[in-house]
Amino acid sequence: MNRILSVTVQKRQVYLGAFLVFLGVLAPLVFNVGNFKINELLHSSIVEMDTGKLILAAFKLVILNSIRALPHYLGAFIIAESVTVALWGRDLNWLRGLFAILIIPVVYRLIYYVHGFNYDLGVPAFIALMSILLIENLNYSNISIVKKSFIFVLMLFGVQWMDVIPGLSRFGFGRGEVSADIKLIASFIQADEVLNFAGVTFLVVFTINAFLINKILSDEQRLIFTIERNKEIEKGLEEVRIKALQSRTSQEMQSLVHDLKTPLTSIQALASVSEMMTEDSRLKIYMGKIVDSVDNMNHMVSEILYENTKGMVSVDELFEYVFSQIVSNGCKNKIKFENSTSGMHIYANKIRLSRAIINIINNSFDAIDEETGRILVSVNEEKDYIYIVIEDNGVGIPEQNIGKVLELGYSTKSSTGLGLSFAKSVIENHGGKFDFISDTEHGTAITVVLPGGEGYEQSESTVN
């Protein structure tokens, strides 16, 4: 059940954002009007009535303001990106933008305490904050933070030009001391139109580029979403294909095995009749053995045909059958078998459970080295449960594939990928539990826990 409210914080991003905010607070020590020689340019533009120097002073001021604002705005944006708030399982992206908006006034107050002057929290600052809120609300969840930050940087450079456009003064732009001086000098030397044109040009160029980048990222987001959705569809189709293959194989096998019952019935009937008709005692014994063997064969056929057909099987009998099936593939001499159970029984479909264990052992055999490889199969009892552990010193499973090995159809070889998936399904059908650990240095250990013991009867008990 989902929690009503959940908050996730990415600490590394918080630390990075806090570091950038810290740089933003210290930035005026290095980047200031004096270092950029803006006042000298303004004085020269008045003395020489030089519009070019005024434009250069305005350009330097915009660069200065952008450089000083970039760290703490970007830091606030990154901190906001690090926090995910979900209500009833739904992300509240607008809260992240609101969080960033609340950070900036705090930073401005810190700058005042440290340096003794105020940054103007005017209309350009408000637009920059709204840009953060908009980017967060667009929810580019699959886009890297670097790309998203690039949109904001372009917007920040663009809106800074609004402070030096004389035509926008009436709307509250450019209330800072140096910005006001630039516009006053522009009026004095009759350079208002030139400054308006330059400011609007840069504003439009940077803003349009920000929107173009936003459009590109929006298309990238949709493309990533489409690719992921197609992968899910392909995965679903593959699962359907595997299930269809399983179903067809099962049907063919059941039809084939069912056909075996007809000659078996004939053999059993003829052997029984021969046993009754003959007077030869040795022949009677042989015929009795034939009848018993056919009975066993019929039982095995029933277990293959019907997966829920189960009976009491001793652990010794189960593994005797398992090892009789793998003796021909060169695997048995790599196996060390340890059985500490004493007369324990399992209520099981012997054929299917044996096949599941064989699949696990075959997987281990495929993973080990031909010279140094080993497989340890140990069986232990604890209370009313039987623990079967199959360990190998093979290549192990890479970490990125751990979650895939039990998926239907997954295989590292050119096969159907039904091995471990089938084994897990059979174990769980027997009320058991299937678990494994693996790494590329030590190999793989698979643990199978099955209900059993002297007091275990035909029930629906399961391992919890």
Foldseek 3Di string as FASTA:
>chain_A
DDDQKDKAFDVVLLVQLVVLLVCLLVVCVPQDCVVLVLVVLLVCCLVVVDLVSLLVSLVSVLVSVLVSPLSNLLSLLSRLVRMWMDGPNHTPLLVSLVSSVVSVVVSQVSSCVVPVDGDDCWDLVVVLSVLSSVLSVVCLVVDDSVLSSLLSSLSSSLSSLQLQQLVCVVVTHNPDPVSVSSSVSCVVSVNNVVSNVVSVVSNCVSNVVSVVSVVVSVVVSVVVVVVVVVVVVVLVVLVVVLVVVVVVVLVVVLVVLVVVVVVLVVLLVVLVVCLVPDPDPVSVVVSVVSNVVSVVSVLLSVCSNDVPDWAKDWPVRLVVVLCVVCVPVPQVVQEDEAEPDDRKIATGSSVLLSQLVNLVSVVQVVFADPPPKHWYWYWDDDDQKIKTKIWIQGQWDAPVCPVPLLPQQDDPDPDSSCRNVSSQVRLVVQQKHWDKDIDRGGGIMIMIMHGIGDPDDPDNHHDD
